Protein backbone atom coordinates (compact mmCIF):
# COMPACT_ATOMS: atom_id res chain seq x y z
CA MET A 1 48.19 216.50 169.01
CA ARG A 2 44.41 216.34 169.22
CA GLN A 3 44.26 215.12 165.62
CA ALA A 4 46.24 212.07 166.70
CA ALA A 5 43.43 210.80 168.91
CA ASN A 6 41.80 208.79 166.11
CA ASP A 7 44.32 208.97 163.26
CA ILE A 8 46.88 206.16 163.40
CA GLU A 9 49.23 207.83 160.92
CA MET A 10 49.13 211.03 162.96
CA GLN A 11 49.80 208.97 166.10
CA PHE A 12 52.94 207.64 164.43
CA TYR A 13 53.99 211.13 163.32
CA VAL A 14 53.48 212.62 166.78
CA GLY A 15 55.13 209.68 168.53
CA ARG A 16 58.20 209.72 166.34
CA ASN A 17 58.64 213.47 166.63
CA LEU A 18 58.27 213.36 170.41
CA ILE A 19 60.88 210.60 170.68
CA GLU A 20 63.31 212.42 168.40
CA GLY A 21 62.45 215.95 169.54
CA THR A 22 62.00 217.11 165.93
CA ASN A 23 59.57 219.36 164.04
CA ASP A 24 59.11 221.69 167.03
CA PHE A 25 58.03 218.85 169.32
CA PRO A 26 59.61 218.68 172.76
CA LYS A 27 61.73 215.59 173.33
CA ASP A 28 59.56 213.23 175.39
CA GLU A 29 60.32 209.55 174.83
CA GLU A 30 57.71 208.30 177.30
CA LEU A 31 54.84 210.19 175.67
CA GLY A 32 56.14 209.35 172.21
CA ILE A 33 56.08 205.65 173.03
CA LYS A 34 52.47 205.94 174.15
CA TYR A 35 51.52 207.39 170.77
CA LEU A 36 53.43 204.64 168.95
CA GLU A 37 51.81 201.92 171.04
CA LYS A 38 48.37 203.33 170.27
CA SER A 39 49.02 203.28 166.52
CA ILE A 40 50.45 199.76 166.77
CA GLU A 41 47.32 198.61 168.60
CA ASN A 42 45.34 200.01 165.68
CA GLY A 43 47.44 198.16 163.10
CA LEU A 44 49.98 200.64 161.70
CA ILE A 45 52.94 198.58 160.55
CA GLU A 46 55.22 201.64 160.22
CA SER A 47 54.90 202.27 163.96
CA ALA A 48 55.70 198.64 164.72
CA ILE A 49 58.81 198.79 162.55
CA TYR A 50 60.02 202.09 164.00
CA TYR A 51 59.38 201.19 167.65
CA SER A 52 60.84 197.71 167.26
CA SER A 53 63.95 199.18 165.64
CA LEU A 54 64.38 201.46 168.65
CA LEU A 55 63.91 198.55 171.06
CA ILE A 56 66.41 196.39 169.19
CA SER A 57 69.09 199.06 168.90
CA GLY A 58 68.76 200.39 172.43
CA LYS A 59 70.30 203.71 171.36
CA ILE A 60 67.40 206.07 172.01
CA ILE A 61 65.28 204.03 174.40
CA LYS A 62 66.11 201.09 176.66
CA ARG A 63 66.75 197.88 174.75
CA GLY A 64 63.89 195.40 174.85
CA LEU A 65 64.23 192.41 172.55
CA LYS A 66 61.29 190.47 174.00
CA LYS A 67 59.02 193.47 173.62
CA ALA A 68 60.21 194.04 170.04
CA LYS A 69 59.53 190.41 169.17
CA ALA A 70 56.03 190.57 170.70
CA ILE A 71 55.21 193.69 168.68
CA LEU A 72 56.53 192.24 165.44
CA GLU A 73 54.67 188.94 165.89
CA LYS A 74 51.43 190.84 165.34
CA PHE A 75 52.62 191.79 161.85
CA LEU A 76 54.32 188.60 160.64
CA LYS A 77 51.37 187.68 158.43
CA SER A 78 52.03 190.82 156.38
CA GLN A 79 55.22 189.17 155.07
CA ASN A 80 56.81 192.64 155.14
CA ALA A 81 60.55 192.17 154.56
CA ILE A 82 61.53 194.69 157.23
CA VAL A 83 59.25 193.09 159.81
CA LEU A 84 60.73 189.67 159.04
CA LEU A 85 64.30 190.99 159.27
CA LEU A 86 63.69 192.77 162.57
CA TYR A 87 61.89 189.72 163.95
CA GLU A 88 65.00 187.65 163.28
CA LYS A 89 67.17 190.24 165.08
CA SER A 90 64.95 190.31 168.17
């Protein structure tokens, strides 16, 4: 996990695996969210999409539509179709 300190793609990888408890990572949603938030702060759209999807569905983590919308707003200029779709759902 040390590699994830400055690598936004690795932050996403670690965060997702912690949340899902996959690839020999222990299941730890709280720590996984911290990694996702760090990569989102640094501009990784994949993390924003994944985390927002989780917040919208409320299946793995507590539902948070306002938080999802706030995250997605940072990426609206990208005109990414998934971002736009999720933004409408939040």
